[in-house]
Amino acid sequence: MENDGLPFALLSDPETDVLQAYDVWKERSMFGKPAMGIQRSTYLIDEEGTIVKAFGRVKTKDNAGQMLKELD
């Protein structure tokens, strides 16, 4: 956190425990073959850790603006 200058911790989940808990580790099609991967999703979480709103299948291009609107 201190090295990156961010006011929050970044999460690394190589065992996919958190991905599975949020139900975003899904079977997807890659080049016509099934493969496991992440379904892009964004969660707005309050200070107590409660999910306030969930956005599934987000588009990275639009997601930052969408989240800023939710925070207003």
PDB file of N, CA and C in Angstrom:
ATOM      1  N   MET A   1       0.833  -1.183   0.000  1.00  0.00           N
ATOM      2  CA  MET A   1       0.000   0.000   0.000  1.00  0.00           C
ATOM      3  C   MET A   1       0.878   1.246   0.000  1.00  0.00           C
ATOM      4  N   GLU A   2       1.870   1.299   0.873  1.00  0.00           N
ATOM      5  CA  GLU A   2       2.718   2.478   0.947  1.00  0.00           C
ATOM      6  C   GLU A   2       3.541   2.659  -0.324  1.00  0.00           C
ATOM      7  N   ASN A   3       3.968   1.564  -0.942  1.00  0.00           N
ATOM      8  CA  ASN A   3       4.784   1.658  -2.154  1.00  0.00           C
ATOM      9  C   ASN A   3       4.004   2.209  -3.334  1.00  0.00           C
ATOM     10  N   ASP A   4       2.721   1.919  -3.403  1.00  0.00           N
ATOM     11  CA  ASP A   4       1.904   2.329  -4.541  1.00  0.00           C
ATOM     12  C   ASP A   4       1.227   3.680  -4.334  1.00  0.00           C
ATOM     13  N   GLY A   5       1.227   4.196  -3.116  1.00  0.00           N
ATOM     14  CA  GLY A   5       0.582   5.471  -2.838  1.00  0.00           C
ATOM     15  C   GLY A   5      -0.933   5.401  -2.861  1.00  0.00           C
ATOM     16  N   LEU A   6      -1.494   4.214  -2.680  1.00  0.00           N
ATOM     17  CA  LEU A   6      -2.944   4.042  -2.696  1.00  0.00           C
ATOM     18  C   LEU A   6      -3.496   4.048  -1.276  1.00  0.00           C
ATOM     19  N   PRO A   7      -4.707   4.571  -1.071  1.00  0.00           N
ATOM     20  CA  PRO A   7      -5.295   4.600   0.270  1.00  0.00           C
ATOM     21  C   PRO A   7      -6.012   3.293   0.633  1.00  0.00           C
ATOM     22  N   PHE A   8      -5.709   2.214  -0.079  1.00  0.00           N
ATOM     23  CA  PHE A   8      -6.344   0.921   0.187  1.00  0.00           C
ATOM     24  C   PHE A   8      -5.370  -0.187  -0.202  1.00  0.00           C
ATOM     25  N   ALA A   9      -5.609  -1.373   0.311  1.00  0.00           N
ATOM     26  CA  ALA A   9      -4.771  -2.529  -0.012  1.00  0.00           C
ATOM     27  C   ALA A   9      -5.254  -3.177  -1.303  1.00  0.00           C
ATOM     28  N   LEU A  10      -4.322  -3.694  -2.079  1.00  0.00           N
ATOM     29  CA  LEU A  10      -4.671  -4.444  -3.281  1.00  0.00           C
ATOM     30  C   LEU A  10      -4.750  -5.920  -2.937  1.00  0.00           C
ATOM     31  N   LEU A  11      -5.635  -6.632  -3.585  1.00  0.00           N
ATOM     32  CA  LEU A  11      -5.868  -8.043  -3.310  1.00  0.00           C
ATOM     33  C   LEU A  11      -5.254  -8.911  -4.399  1.00  0.00           C
ATOM     34  N   SER A  12      -4.553  -9.945  -3.987  1.00  0.00           N
ATOM     35  CA  SER A  12      -4.072 -10.959  -4.914  1.00  0.00           C
ATOM     36  C   SER A  12      -4.719 -12.275  -4.499  1.00  0.00           C
ATOM     37  N   ASP A  13      -5.254 -13.023  -5.456  1.00  0.00           N
ATOM     38  CA  ASP A  13      -6.019 -14.228  -5.138  1.00  0.00           C
ATOM     39  C   ASP A  13      -5.638 -15.385  -6.058  1.00  0.00           C
ATOM     40  N   PRO A  14      -4.378 -15.836  -6.015  1.00  0.00           N
ATOM     41  CA  PRO A  14      -3.951 -16.894  -6.939  1.00  0.00           C
ATOM     42  C   PRO A  14      -4.688 -18.220  -6.753  1.00  0.00           C
ATOM     43  N   GLU A  15      -5.237 -18.490  -5.575  1.00  0.00           N
ATOM     44  CA  GLU A  15      -5.984 -19.733  -5.345  1.00  0.00           C
ATOM     45  C   GLU A  15      -7.459 -19.589  -5.713  1.00  0.00           C
ATOM     46  N   THR A  16      -7.900 -18.405  -6.123  1.00  0.00           N
ATOM     47  CA  THR A  16      -9.265 -18.077  -6.554  1.00  0.00           C
ATOM     48  C   THR A  16     -10.316 -18.203  -5.454  1.00  0.00           C
ATOM     49  N   ASP A  17      -9.914 -18.179  -4.188  1.00  0.00           N
ATOM     50  CA  ASP A  17     -10.884 -18.290  -3.090  1.00  0.00           C
ATOM     51  C   ASP A  17     -11.881 -17.128  -3.091  1.00  0.00           C
ATOM     52  N   VAL A  18     -11.380 -15.913  -3.233  1.00  0.00           N
ATOM     53  CA  VAL A  18     -12.264 -14.744  -3.216  1.00  0.00           C
ATOM     54  C   VAL A  18     -13.092 -14.702  -4.495  1.00  0.00           C
ATOM     55  N   LEU A  19     -12.479 -15.033  -5.621  1.00  0.00           N
ATOM     56  CA  LEU A  19     -13.221 -15.068  -6.885  1.00  0.00           C
ATOM     57  C   LEU A  19     -14.405 -16.022  -6.806  1.00  0.00           C
ATOM     58  N   GLN A  20     -14.186 -17.161  -6.200  1.00  0.00           N
ATOM     59  CA  GLN A  20     -15.273 -18.136  -6.060  1.00  0.00           C
ATOM     60  C   GLN A  20     -16.317 -17.654  -5.061  1.00  0.00           C
ATOM     61  N   ALA A  21     -15.897 -16.994  -3.991  1.00  0.00           N
ATOM     62  CA  ALA A  21     -16.849 -16.477  -3.003  1.00  0.00           C
ATOM     63  C   ALA A  21     -17.762 -15.418  -3.617  1.00  0.00           C
ATOM     64  N   TYR A  22     -17.223 -14.605  -4.527  1.00  0.00           N
ATOM     65  CA  TYR A  22     -18.020 -13.584  -5.211  1.00  0.00           C
ATOM     66  C   TYR A  22     -18.692 -14.128  -6.466  1.00  0.00           C
ATOM     67  N   ASP A  23     -18.520 -15.402  -6.730  1.00  0.00           N
ATOM     68  CA  ASP A  23     -19.140 -16.098  -7.860  1.00  0.00           C
ATOM     69  C   ASP A  23     -18.791 -15.442  -9.205  1.00  0.00           C
ATOM     70  N   VAL A  24     -17.510 -15.105  -9.377  1.00  0.00           N
ATOM     71  CA  VAL A  24     -17.056 -14.520 -10.638  1.00  0.00           C
ATOM     72  C   VAL A  24     -16.007 -15.396 -11.328  1.00  0.00           C
ATOM     73  N   TRP A  25     -15.706 -16.576 -10.776  1.00  0.00           N
ATOM     74  CA  TRP A  25     -14.813 -17.547 -11.416  1.00  0.00           C
ATOM     75  C   TRP A  25     -15.710 -18.462 -12.221  1.00  0.00           C
ATOM     76  N   LYS A  26     -15.754 -18.251 -13.528  1.00  0.00           N
ATOM     77  CA  LYS A  26     -16.739 -18.901 -14.382  1.00  0.00           C
ATOM     78  C   LYS A  26     -16.072 -19.638 -15.538  1.00  0.00           C
ATOM     79  N   GLU A  27     -16.818 -20.594 -16.089  1.00  0.00           N
ATOM     80  CA  GLU A  27     -16.362 -21.217 -17.325  1.00  0.00           C
ATOM     81  C   GLU A  27     -16.676 -20.266 -18.466  1.00  0.00           C
ATOM     82  N   ARG A  28     -15.664 -20.033 -19.288  1.00  0.00           N
ATOM     83  CA  ARG A  28     -15.799 -19.129 -20.413  1.00  0.00           C
ATOM     84  C   ARG A  28     -15.316 -19.840 -21.660  1.00  0.00           C
ATOM     85  N   SER A  29     -15.566 -19.247 -22.784  1.00  0.00           N
ATOM     86  CA  SER A  29     -15.096 -19.810 -24.040  1.00  0.00           C
ATOM     87  C   SER A  29     -13.901 -18.997 -24.522  1.00  0.00           C
ATOM     88  N   MET A  30     -12.779 -19.659 -24.718  1.00  0.00           N
ATOM     89  CA  MET A  30     -11.585 -19.003 -25.219  1.00  0.00           C
ATOM     90  C   MET A  30     -11.154 -19.696 -26.498  1.00  0.00           C
ATOM     91  N   PHE A  31     -11.250 -18.978 -27.603  1.00  0.00           N
ATOM     92  CA  PHE A  31     -10.941 -19.542 -28.917  1.00  0.00           C
ATOM     93  C   PHE A  31     -11.769 -20.792 -29.194  1.00  0.00           C
ATOM     94  N   GLY A  32     -13.035 -20.759 -28.742  1.00  0.00           N
ATOM     95  CA  GLY A  32     -13.954 -21.851 -28.995  1.00  0.00           C
ATOM     96  C   GLY A  32     -13.839 -23.022 -28.042  1.00  0.00           C
ATOM     97  N   LYS A  33     -12.933 -22.941 -27.067  1.00  0.00           N
ATOM     98  CA  LYS A  33     -12.751 -24.025 -26.096  1.00  0.00           C
ATOM     99  C   LYS A  33     -13.085 -23.525 -24.696  1.00  0.00           C
ATOM    100  N   PRO A  34     -13.724 -24.373 -23.890  1.00  0.00           N
ATOM    101  CA  PRO A  34     -14.048 -23.947 -22.525  1.00  0.00           C
ATOM    102  C   PRO A  34     -12.785 -23.793 -21.674  1.00  0.00           C
ATOM    103  N   ALA A  35     -12.771 -22.725 -20.882  1.00  0.00           N
ATOM    104  CA  ALA A  35     -11.667 -22.466 -19.963  1.00  0.00           C
ATOM    105  C   ALA A  35     -12.211 -21.665 -18.790  1.00  0.00           C
ATOM    106  N   MET A  36     -11.630 -21.840 -17.621  1.00  0.00           N
ATOM    107  CA  MET A  36     -12.051 -21.074 -16.454  1.00  0.00           C
ATOM    108  C   MET A  36     -11.410 -19.691 -16.510  1.00  0.00           C
ATOM    109  N   GLY A  37     -12.177 -18.674 -16.099  1.00  0.00           N
ATOM    110  CA  GLY A  37     -11.665 -17.310 -16.099  1.00  0.00           C
ATOM    111  C   GLY A  37     -12.555 -16.401 -15.273  1.00  0.00           C
ATOM    112  N   ILE A  38     -12.163 -15.163 -15.203  1.00  0.00           N
ATOM    113  CA  ILE A  38     -12.876 -14.175 -14.386  1.00  0.00           C
ATOM    114  C   ILE A  38     -13.950 -13.492 -15.215  1.00  0.00           C
ATOM    115  N   GLN A  39     -15.150 -13.407 -14.644  1.00  0.00           N
ATOM    116  CA  GLN A  39     -16.211 -12.587 -15.231  1.00  0.00           C
ATOM    117  C   GLN A  39     -16.024 -11.196 -14.643  1.00  0.00           C
ATOM    118  N   ARG A  40     -15.692 -10.222 -15.474  1.00  0.00           N
ATOM    119  CA  ARG A  40     -15.439  -8.870 -14.970  1.00  0.00           C
ATOM    120  C   ARG A  40     -16.661  -8.351 -14.231  1.00  0.00           C
ATOM    121  N   SER A  41     -16.432  -7.944 -12.999  1.00  0.00           N
ATOM    122  CA  SER A  41     -17.494  -7.443 -12.140  1.00  0.00           C
ATOM    123  C   SER A  41     -16.922  -6.357 -11.242  1.00  0.00           C
ATOM    124  N   THR A  42     -17.786  -5.462 -10.794  1.00  0.00           N
ATOM    125  CA  THR A  42     -17.379  -4.424  -9.851  1.00  0.00           C
ATOM    126  C   THR A  42     -18.383  -4.416  -8.713  1.00  0.00           C
ATOM    127  N   TYR A  43     -17.862  -4.259  -7.495  1.00  0.00           N
ATOM    128  CA  TYR A  43     -18.709  -4.206  -6.312  1.00  0.00           C
ATOM    129  C   TYR A  43     -18.462  -2.903  -5.574  1.00  0.00           C
ATOM    130  N   LEU A  44     -19.531  -2.226  -5.204  1.00  0.00           N
ATOM    131  CA  LEU A  44     -19.447  -1.052  -4.365  1.00  0.00           C
ATOM    132  C   LEU A  44     -19.650  -1.546  -2.936  1.00  0.00           C
ATOM    133  N   ILE A  45     -18.613  -1.422  -2.112  1.00  0.00           N
ATOM    134  CA  ILE A  45     -18.618  -1.978  -0.758  1.00  0.00           C
ATOM    135  C   ILE A  45     -18.452  -0.839   0.238  1.00  0.00           C
ATOM    136  N   ASP A  46     -19.308  -0.813   1.276  1.00  0.00           N
ATOM    137  CA  ASP A  46     -19.234   0.274   2.254  1.00  0.00           C
ATOM    138  C   ASP A  46     -18.145   0.017   3.297  1.00  0.00           C
ATOM    139  N   GLU A  47     -18.006   0.940   4.232  1.00  0.00           N
ATOM    140  CA  GLU A  47     -16.954   0.877   5.246  1.00  0.00           C
ATOM    141  C   GLU A  47     -17.043  -0.361   6.138  1.00  0.00           C
ATOM    142  N   GLU A  48     -18.246  -0.920   6.290  1.00  0.00           N
ATOM    143  CA  GLU A  48     -18.434  -2.112   7.125  1.00  0.00           C
ATOM    144  C   GLU A  48     -18.204  -3.404   6.345  1.00  0.00           C
ATOM    145  N   GLY A  49     -17.941  -3.294   5.047  1.00  0.00           N
ATOM    146  CA  GLY A  49     -17.707  -4.479   4.233  1.00  0.00           C
ATOM    147  C   GLY A  49     -18.960  -5.051   3.600  1.00  0.00           C
ATOM    148  N   THR A  50     -20.066  -4.308   3.645  1.00  0.00           N
ATOM    149  CA  THR A  50     -21.322  -4.753   3.058  1.00  0.00           C
ATOM    150  C   THR A  50     -21.377  -4.339   1.587  1.00  0.00           C
ATOM    151  N   ILE A  51     -21.764  -5.264   0.728  1.00  0.00           N
ATOM    152  CA  ILE A  51     -21.921  -4.942  -0.689  1.00  0.00           C
ATOM    153  C   ILE A  51     -23.162  -4.081  -0.852  1.00  0.00           C
ATOM    154  N   VAL A  52     -22.978  -2.861  -1.332  1.00  0.00           N
ATOM    155  CA  VAL A  52     -24.074  -1.918  -1.539  1.00  0.00           C
ATOM    156  C   VAL A  52     -24.697  -2.138  -2.909  1.00  0.00           C
ATOM    157  N   LYS A  53     -23.849  -2.378  -3.909  1.00  0.00           N
ATOM    158  CA  LYS A  53     -24.336  -2.584  -5.262  1.00  0.00           C
ATOM    159  C   LYS A  53     -23.337  -3.450  -6.013  1.00  0.00           C
ATOM    160  N   ALA A  54     -23.853  -4.317  -6.880  1.00  0.00           N
ATOM    161  CA  ALA A  54     -23.007  -5.193  -7.691  1.00  0.00           C
ATOM    162  C   ALA A  54     -23.271  -4.921  -9.162  1.00  0.00           C
ATOM    163  N   PHE A  55     -22.207  -4.888  -9.935  1.00  0.00           N
ATOM    164  CA  PHE A  55     -22.297  -4.677 -11.371  1.00  0.00           C
ATOM    165  C   PHE A  55     -21.626  -5.858 -12.044  1.00  0.00           C
ATOM    166  N   GLY A  56     -22.376  -6.656 -12.771  1.00  0.00           N
ATOM    167  CA  GLY A  56     -21.826  -7.803 -13.474  1.00  0.00           C
ATOM    168  C   GLY A  56     -21.545  -7.490 -14.928  1.00  0.00           C
ATOM    169  N   ARG A  57     -20.624  -8.240 -15.513  1.00  0.00           N
ATOM    170  CA  ARG A  57     -20.269  -8.090 -16.932  1.00  0.00           C
ATOM    171  C   ARG A  57     -19.976  -6.647 -17.310  1.00  0.00           C
ATOM    172  N   VAL A  58     -19.139  -5.998 -16.523  1.00  0.00           N
ATOM    173  CA  VAL A  58     -18.823  -4.593 -16.770  1.00  0.00           C
ATOM    174  C   VAL A  58     -17.907  -4.439 -17.974  1.00  0.00           C
ATOM    175  N   LYS A  59     -17.997  -3.297 -18.602  1.00  0.00           N
ATOM    176  CA  LYS A  59     -17.093  -2.932 -19.690  1.00  0.00           C
ATOM    177  C   LYS A  59     -16.052  -1.982 -19.097  1.00  0.00           C
ATOM    178  N   THR A  60     -14.785  -2.340 -19.219  1.00  0.00           N
ATOM    179  CA  THR A  60     -13.727  -1.554 -18.585  1.00  0.00           C
ATOM    180  C   THR A  60     -13.752  -0.094 -19.029  1.00  0.00           C
ATOM    181  N   LYS A  61     -14.104   0.152 -20.275  1.00  0.00           N
ATOM    182  CA  LYS A  61     -14.131   1.514 -20.800  1.00  0.00           C
ATOM    183  C   LYS A  61     -15.135   2.394 -20.054  1.00  0.00           C
ATOM    184  N   ASP A  62     -16.271   1.838 -19.648  1.00  0.00           N
ATOM    185  CA  ASP A  62     -17.355   2.610 -19.037  1.00  0.00           C
ATOM    186  C   ASP A  62     -17.403   2.504 -17.516  1.00  0.00           C
ATOM    187  N   ASN A  63     -16.679   1.562 -16.940  1.00  0.00           N
ATOM    188  CA  ASN A  63     -16.872   1.238 -15.534  1.00  0.00           C
ATOM    189  C   ASN A  63     -16.478   2.354 -14.571  1.00  0.00           C
ATOM    190  N   ALA A  64     -15.378   3.041 -14.807  1.00  0.00           N
ATOM    191  CA  ALA A  64     -14.949   4.103 -13.891  1.00  0.00           C
ATOM    192  C   ALA A  64     -16.006   5.202 -13.814  1.00  0.00           C
ATOM    193  N   GLY A  65     -16.526   5.631 -14.939  1.00  0.00           N
ATOM    194  CA  GLY A  65     -17.573   6.651 -14.947  1.00  0.00           C
ATOM    195  C   GLY A  65     -18.836   6.190 -14.246  1.00  0.00           C
ATOM    196  N   GLN A  66     -19.195   4.931 -14.460  1.00  0.00           N
ATOM    197  CA  GLN A  66     -20.382   4.365 -13.817  1.00  0.00           C
ATOM    198  C   GLN A  66     -20.221   4.372 -12.296  1.00  0.00           C
ATOM    199  N   MET A  67     -19.047   4.001 -11.823  1.00  0.00           N
ATOM    200  CA  MET A  67     -18.815   3.974 -10.369  1.00  0.00           C
ATOM    201  C   MET A  67     -18.794   5.385  -9.789  1.00  0.00           C
ATOM    202  N   LEU A  68     -18.212   6.346 -10.496  1.00  0.00           N
ATOM    203  CA  LEU A  68     -18.209   7.734 -10.002  1.00  0.00           C
ATOM    204  C   LEU A  68     -19.623   8.270  -9.875  1.00  0.00           C
ATOM    205  N   LYS A  69     -20.514   7.918 -10.800  1.00  0.00           N
ATOM    206  CA  LYS A  69     -21.915   8.340 -10.710  1.00  0.00           C
ATOM    207  C   LYS A  69     -22.580   7.749  -9.474  1.00  0.00           C
ATOM    208  N   GLU A  70     -22.249   6.498  -9.164  1.00  0.00           N
ATOM    209  CA  GLU A  70     -22.837   5.832  -7.992  1.00  0.00           C
ATOM    210  C   GLU A  70     -22.378   6.482  -6.689  1.00  0.00           C
ATOM    211  N   LEU A  71     -21.187   7.045  -6.684  1.00  0.00           N
ATOM    212  CA  LEU A  71     -20.635   7.644  -5.464  1.00  0.00           C
ATOM    213  C   LEU A  71     -21.145   9.066  -5.215  1.00  0.00           C
ATOM    214  N   ASP A  72     -21.754   9.693  -6.219  1.00  0.00           N
ATOM    215  CA  ASP A  72     -22.289  11.061  -6.044  1.00  0.00           C
ATOM    216  C   ASP A  72     -23.489  11.073  -5.153  1.00  0.00           C
TER     217      ASP A  72
END
